[in-house]
């Protein structure tokens, strides 16, 4: 009887170590999360993230990820580039003020996780898979991931000199866990 209780106790302890609940909603500060993008010649950040991220490693079927980033918050470190990025030929922030992602499912892969969902940039919605993992830094847990996008597939054409920017956009995400136990 005592052996069974000890085994059960060890199993519960082991499960509590691998269990990870992640929840966040409505980020308001630029320092709480990071959405970085870079191409051949331009890099910057997007701010104004809102939405919900709810992931429990032990119950991926109930994961919910639905977020939006405000296109008007694009910052490249150069005001002229920022204006161009918000303009009609690039992101067209006036007509399409949000970039949205709606997760369809979260899956465990060999060495990490991925969320498959619908990414909408401008007037184009495509299904994408974003590989991610849970990372701990300085007593704070983060959901970190990255993906590579072809900007032309999302009608981000640019001006005549758009060829200097490059077709591929690398997007890196780092969102802190705001789960309160």
C-alpha atoms as a PDB file:
ATOM      1  CA  UNK A   1       0.000   0.000   0.000  1.00  0.00           C
ATOM      2  CA  UNK A   2       2.763   2.455   0.909  1.00  0.00           C
ATOM      3  CA  UNK A   3       4.669   1.587  -2.278  1.00  0.00           C
ATOM      4  CA  UNK A   4       1.600   2.356  -4.440  1.00  0.00           C
ATOM      5  CA  UNK A   5       1.128   5.762  -2.762  1.00  0.00           C
ATOM      6  CA  UNK A   6       4.809   6.610  -3.278  1.00  0.00           C
ATOM      7  CA  UNK A   7       4.648   5.593  -6.959  1.00  0.00           C
ATOM      8  CA  UNK A   8       1.484   7.656  -7.418  1.00  0.00           C
ATOM      9  CA  UNK A   9       3.131  10.607  -5.669  1.00  0.00           C
ATOM     10  CA  UNK A  10       6.183  10.319  -7.933  1.00  0.00           C
ATOM     11  CA  UNK A  11       3.962  10.154 -11.019  1.00  0.00           C
ATOM     12  CA  UNK A  12       2.035  13.266  -9.952  1.00  0.00           C
ATOM     13  CA  UNK A  13       5.304  15.088  -9.260  1.00  0.00           C
ATOM     14  CA  UNK A  14       6.700  14.105 -12.662  1.00  0.00           C
ATOM     15  CA  UNK A  15       3.526  15.289 -14.413  1.00  0.00           C
ATOM     16  CA  UNK A  16       3.646  18.649 -12.659  1.00  0.00           C
ATOM     17  CA  UNK A  17       7.169  19.179 -13.979  1.00  0.00           C
ATOM     18  CA  UNK A  18       6.221  18.522 -17.620  1.00  0.00           C
ATOM     19  CA  UNK A  19       2.842  20.234 -17.470  1.00  0.00           C
ATOM     20  CA  UNK A  20       2.945  23.758 -18.790  1.00  0.00           C
ATOM     21  CA  UNK A  21      -0.015  26.033 -19.111  1.00  0.00           C
ATOM     22  CA  UNK A  22       0.406  29.165 -21.149  1.00  0.00           C
ATOM     23  CA  UNK A  23      -2.052  31.979 -21.218  1.00  0.00           C
ATOM     24  CA  UNK A  24      -1.920  35.529 -22.378  1.00  0.00           C
ATOM     25  CA  UNK A  25      -4.358  38.180 -23.464  1.00  0.00           C
ATOM     26  CA  UNK A  26      -4.099  41.734 -24.730  1.00  0.00           C
ATOM     27  CA  UNK A  27      -0.527  42.908 -24.584  1.00  0.00           C
ATOM     28  CA  UNK A  28      -0.217  46.646 -24.289  1.00  0.00           C
ATOM     29  CA  UNK A  29       3.461  47.343 -23.661  1.00  0.00           C
ATOM     30  CA  UNK A  30       6.165  47.192 -26.306  1.00  0.00           C
ATOM     31  CA  UNK A  31       8.430  45.368 -23.877  1.00  0.00           C
ATOM     32  CA  UNK A  32       6.027  42.524 -23.054  1.00  0.00           C
ATOM     33  CA  UNK A  33       6.388  40.734 -26.378  1.00  0.00           C
ATOM     34  CA  UNK A  34       8.467  40.964 -29.506  1.00  0.00           C
ATOM     35  CA  UNK A  35       7.516  40.528 -33.140  1.00  0.00           C
ATOM     36  CA  UNK A  36      10.631  41.130 -35.197  1.00  0.00           C
ATOM     37  CA  UNK A  37      10.817  40.933 -38.951  1.00  0.00           C
ATOM     38  CA  UNK A  38      13.745  41.106 -41.304  1.00  0.00           C
ATOM     39  CA  UNK A  39      14.418  40.894 -45.012  1.00  0.00           C
ATOM     40  CA  UNK A  40      17.579  41.313 -47.038  1.00  0.00           C
ATOM     41  CA  UNK A  41      17.799  45.081 -46.362  1.00  0.00           C
ATOM     42  CA  UNK A  42      15.114  45.972 -43.820  1.00  0.00           C
ATOM     43  CA  UNK A  43      14.349  44.887 -40.286  1.00  0.00           C
ATOM     44  CA  UNK A  44      12.057  46.130 -37.579  1.00  0.00           C
ATOM     45  CA  UNK A  45       9.348  45.404 -35.057  1.00  0.00           C
ATOM     46  CA  UNK A  46       5.574  45.293 -34.883  1.00  0.00           C
ATOM     47  CA  UNK A  47       3.773  46.398 -31.752  1.00  0.00           C
ATOM     48  CA  UNK A  48       0.121  46.579 -30.739  1.00  0.00           C
ATOM     49  CA  UNK A  49      -0.376  42.832 -30.241  1.00  0.00           C
ATOM     50  CA  UNK A  50      -3.830  41.850 -28.962  1.00  0.00           C
ATOM     51  CA  UNK A  51      -5.613  38.544 -28.661  1.00  0.00           C
ATOM     52  CA  UNK A  52      -5.440  35.275 -26.777  1.00  0.00           C
ATOM     53  CA  UNK A  53      -2.857  32.532 -26.503  1.00  0.00           C
ATOM     54  CA  UNK A  54      -3.867  29.574 -24.365  1.00  0.00           C
ATOM     55  CA  UNK A  55      -1.735  26.432 -24.619  1.00  0.00           C
ATOM     56  CA  UNK A  56      -1.393  23.559 -22.156  1.00  0.00           C
ATOM     57  CA  UNK A  57       1.296  21.020 -23.080  1.00  0.00           C
ATOM     58  CA  UNK A  58      -0.822  18.223 -21.617  1.00  0.00           C
ATOM     59  CA  UNK A  59      -3.972  19.173 -23.550  1.00  0.00           C
ATOM     60  CA  UNK A  60      -3.037  20.540 -26.984  1.00  0.00           C
ATOM     61  CA  UNK A  61      -6.499  19.800 -28.404  1.00  0.00           C
ATOM     62  CA  UNK A  62      -7.984  22.684 -26.380  1.00  0.00           C
ATOM     63  CA  UNK A  63      -5.287  25.212 -27.339  1.00  0.00           C
ATOM     64  CA  UNK A  64      -6.561  28.594 -28.510  1.00  0.00           C
ATOM     65  CA  UNK A  65      -4.433  31.082 -30.395  1.00  0.00           C
ATOM     66  CA  UNK A  66      -5.975  34.139 -31.974  1.00  0.00           C
ATOM     67  CA  UNK A  67      -3.900  37.327 -32.225  1.00  0.00           C
ATOM     68  CA  UNK A  68      -3.618  40.540 -34.218  1.00  0.00           C
ATOM     69  CA  UNK A  69      -0.785  43.037 -34.661  1.00  0.00           C
ATOM     70  CA  UNK A  70      -1.346  46.695 -35.500  1.00  0.00           C
ATOM     71  CA  UNK A  71       0.315  47.486 -38.852  1.00  0.00           C
ATOM     72  CA  UNK A  72       0.501  51.191 -37.908  1.00  0.00           C
ATOM     73  CA  UNK A  73       3.045  50.294 -35.208  1.00  0.00           C
ATOM     74  CA  UNK A  74       5.734  49.124 -37.663  1.00  0.00           C
ATOM     75  CA  UNK A  75       9.089  50.517 -36.612  1.00  0.00           C
ATOM     76  CA  UNK A  76      12.239  50.057 -38.687  1.00  0.00           C
ATOM     77  CA  UNK A  77      14.379  52.689 -37.011  1.00  0.00           C
ATOM     78  CA  UNK A  78      13.885  55.007 -39.994  1.00  0.00           C
ATOM     79  CA  UNK A  79      10.773  57.207 -40.272  1.00  0.00           C
ATOM     80  CA  UNK A  80      10.869  57.266 -44.068  1.00  0.00           C
ATOM     81  CA  UNK A  81      11.023  53.441 -44.210  1.00  0.00           C
ATOM     82  CA  UNK A  82       8.193  53.289 -41.659  1.00  0.00           C
ATOM     83  CA  UNK A  83       5.997  55.482 -43.893  1.00  0.00           C
ATOM     84  CA  UNK A  84       6.818  53.335 -46.919  1.00  0.00           C
ATOM     85  CA  UNK A  85       6.088  50.126 -44.977  1.00  0.00           C
ATOM     86  CA  UNK A  86       2.669  51.486 -43.952  1.00  0.00           C
ATOM     87  CA  UNK A  87       1.966  52.691 -47.512  1.00  0.00           C
ATOM     88  CA  UNK A  88      -0.254  51.147 -50.187  1.00  0.00           C
ATOM     89  CA  UNK A  89       2.524  49.282 -52.009  1.00  0.00           C
ATOM     90  CA  UNK A  90       3.763  47.567 -48.879  1.00  0.00           C
ATOM     91  CA  UNK A  91       1.360  46.802 -45.967  1.00  0.00           C
ATOM     92  CA  UNK A  92      -1.318  49.418 -46.782  1.00  0.00           C
ATOM     93  CA  UNK A  93      -2.060  50.165 -43.130  1.00  0.00           C
ATOM     94  CA  UNK A  94      -4.918  52.492 -44.026  1.00  0.00           C
ATOM     95  CA  UNK A  95      -6.949  49.762 -45.732  1.00  0.00           C
ATOM     96  CA  UNK A  96      -5.543  46.771 -43.797  1.00  0.00           C
ATOM     97  CA  UNK A  97      -4.650  48.005 -40.291  1.00  0.00           C
ATOM     98  CA  UNK A  98      -4.223  44.527 -38.744  1.00  0.00           C
ATOM     99  CA  UNK A  99      -2.206  41.416 -39.417  1.00  0.00           C
ATOM    100  CA  UNK A 100      -4.125  38.505 -37.904  1.00  0.00           C
ATOM    101  CA  UNK A 101      -3.390  34.908 -37.029  1.00  0.00           C
ATOM    102  CA  UNK A 102      -6.081  32.392 -36.064  1.00  0.00           C
ATOM    103  CA  UNK A 103      -4.705  29.066 -34.855  1.00  0.00           C
ATOM    104  CA  UNK A 104      -6.490  25.955 -36.074  1.00  0.00           C
ATOM    105  CA  UNK A 105      -4.496  23.390 -34.084  1.00  0.00           C
ATOM    106  CA  UNK A 106      -1.345  22.963 -32.018  1.00  0.00           C
ATOM    107  CA  UNK A 107       0.781  19.885 -32.571  1.00  0.00           C
ATOM    108  CA  UNK A 108       3.777  18.308 -30.870  1.00  0.00           C
ATOM    109  CA  UNK A 109       6.639  17.660 -33.292  1.00  0.00           C
ATOM    110  CA  UNK A 110       9.798  15.641 -32.645  1.00  0.00           C
ATOM    111  CA  UNK A 111      11.650  18.344 -30.737  1.00  0.00           C
ATOM    112  CA  UNK A 112       9.178  21.221 -30.299  1.00  0.00           C
ATOM    113  CA  UNK A 113       5.635  22.320 -31.131  1.00  0.00           C
ATOM    114  CA  UNK A 114       3.905  23.988 -34.036  1.00  0.00           C
ATOM    115  CA  UNK A 115       0.717  25.914 -34.446  1.00  0.00           C
ATOM    116  CA  UNK A 116      -1.081  25.610 -37.768  1.00  0.00           C
ATOM    117  CA  UNK A 117      -3.427  28.448 -38.572  1.00  0.00           C
ATOM    118  CA  UNK A 118      -4.660  31.140 -40.925  1.00  0.00           C
ATOM    119  CA  UNK A 119      -2.394  34.164 -41.339  1.00  0.00           C
ATOM    120  CA  UNK A 120      -3.993  37.227 -42.917  1.00  0.00           C
ATOM    121  CA  UNK A 121      -1.841  40.031 -44.254  1.00  0.00           C
ATOM    122  CA  UNK A 122      -3.583  42.658 -46.369  1.00  0.00           C
ATOM    123  CA  UNK A 123      -6.225  40.885 -48.473  1.00  0.00           C
ATOM    124  CA  UNK A 124      -4.551  37.453 -48.434  1.00  0.00           C
ATOM    125  CA  UNK A 125      -5.189  34.612 -45.997  1.00  0.00           C
ATOM    126  CA  UNK A 126      -2.903  31.577 -46.085  1.00  0.00           C
ATOM    127  CA  UNK A 127      -2.515  28.543 -43.877  1.00  0.00           C
ATOM    128  CA  UNK A 128       0.922  28.532 -42.248  1.00  0.00           C
ATOM    129  CA  UNK A 129       2.706  26.428 -39.645  1.00  0.00           C
ATOM    130  CA  UNK A 130       4.702  28.280 -36.999  1.00  0.00           C
ATOM    131  CA  UNK A 131       7.235  26.129 -35.129  1.00  0.00           C
ATOM    132  CA  UNK A 132       7.615  27.218 -31.505  1.00  0.00           C
ATOM    133  CA  UNK A 133       8.836  26.159 -28.115  1.00  0.00           C
ATOM    134  CA  UNK A 134       8.483  27.181 -24.489  1.00  0.00           C
ATOM    135  CA  UNK A 135      11.656  28.904 -23.300  1.00  0.00           C
ATOM    136  CA  UNK A 136      12.602  30.100 -19.823  1.00  0.00           C
ATOM    137  CA  UNK A 137      14.796  33.208 -19.458  1.00  0.00           C
ATOM    138  CA  UNK A 138      15.533  34.995 -16.203  1.00  0.00           C
ATOM    139  CA  UNK A 139      12.551  33.492 -14.320  1.00  0.00           C
ATOM    140  CA  UNK A 140      10.151  34.348 -17.154  1.00  0.00           C
ATOM    141  CA  UNK A 141       8.652  31.806 -19.539  1.00  0.00           C
ATOM    142  CA  UNK A 142       8.201  32.668 -23.217  1.00  0.00           C
ATOM    143  CA  UNK A 143       6.562  31.137 -26.229  1.00  0.00           C
ATOM    144  CA  UNK A 144       9.156  31.626 -28.976  1.00  0.00           C
ATOM    145  CA  UNK A 145       8.839  30.793 -32.644  1.00  0.00           C
ATOM    146  CA  UNK A 146       9.762  31.861 -36.127  1.00  0.00           C
ATOM    147  CA  UNK A 147       8.632  31.482 -39.702  1.00  0.00           C
ATOM    148  CA  UNK A 148       9.706  32.504 -43.175  1.00  0.00           C
ATOM    149  CA  UNK A 149       7.179  34.200 -45.486  1.00  0.00           C
ATOM    150  CA  UNK A 150       7.303  35.175 -49.138  1.00  0.00           C
ATOM    151  CA  UNK A 151       6.085  38.790 -49.022  1.00  0.00           C
ATOM    152  CA  UNK A 152       4.834  38.645 -52.623  1.00  0.00           C
ATOM    153  CA  UNK A 153       2.406  35.845 -51.699  1.00  0.00           C
ATOM    154  CA  UNK A 154       0.713  38.377 -49.387  1.00  0.00           C
ATOM    155  CA  UNK A 155       0.618  41.185 -51.992  1.00  0.00           C
ATOM    156  CA  UNK A 156       3.441  43.078 -50.301  1.00  0.00           C
ATOM    157  CA  UNK A 157       4.986  44.294 -53.509  1.00  0.00           C
ATOM    158  CA  UNK A 158       6.885  47.436 -52.645  1.00  0.00           C
ATOM    159  CA  UNK A 159       7.948  50.179 -54.965  1.00  0.00           C
ATOM    160  CA  UNK A 160      10.228  49.955 -58.008  1.00  0.00           C
ATOM    161  CA  UNK A 161      13.193  49.337 -55.706  1.00  0.00           C
ATOM    162  CA  UNK A 162      11.354  46.573 -53.831  1.00  0.00           C
ATOM    163  CA  UNK A 163      13.743  44.006 -55.323  1.00  0.00           C
ATOM    164  CA  UNK A 164      16.465  45.274 -52.983  1.00  0.00           C
ATOM    165  CA  UNK A 165      14.427  44.254 -49.956  1.00  0.00           C
ATOM    166  CA  UNK A 166      14.206  40.565 -50.806  1.00  0.00           C
ATOM    167  CA  UNK A 167      11.175  38.314 -51.171  1.00  0.00           C
ATOM    168  CA  UNK A 168      11.519  36.430 -47.898  1.00  0.00           C
ATOM    169  CA  UNK A 169      10.511  37.928 -44.590  1.00  0.00           C
ATOM    170  CA  UNK A 170      11.765  36.205 -41.460  1.00  0.00           C
ATOM    171  CA  UNK A 171       9.367  36.700 -38.546  1.00  0.00           C
ATOM    172  CA  UNK A 172      10.529  35.987 -34.990  1.00  0.00           C
ATOM    173  CA  UNK A 173       8.082  35.882 -32.084  1.00  0.00           C
ATOM    174  CA  UNK A 174       8.758  36.060 -28.373  1.00  0.00           C
ATOM    175  CA  UNK A 175       5.665  36.298 -26.174  1.00  0.00           C
ATOM    176  CA  UNK A 176       5.886  36.040 -22.377  1.00  0.00           C
ATOM    177  CA  UNK A 177       3.641  33.745 -20.388  1.00  0.00           C
ATOM    178  CA  UNK A 178       1.123  35.758 -18.363  1.00  0.00           C
ATOM    179  CA  UNK A 179      -0.511  32.702 -16.785  1.00  0.00           C
ATOM    180  CA  UNK A 180      -1.405  33.255 -13.158  1.00  0.00           C
ATOM    181  CA  UNK A 181      -1.694  30.012 -11.234  1.00  0.00           C
END
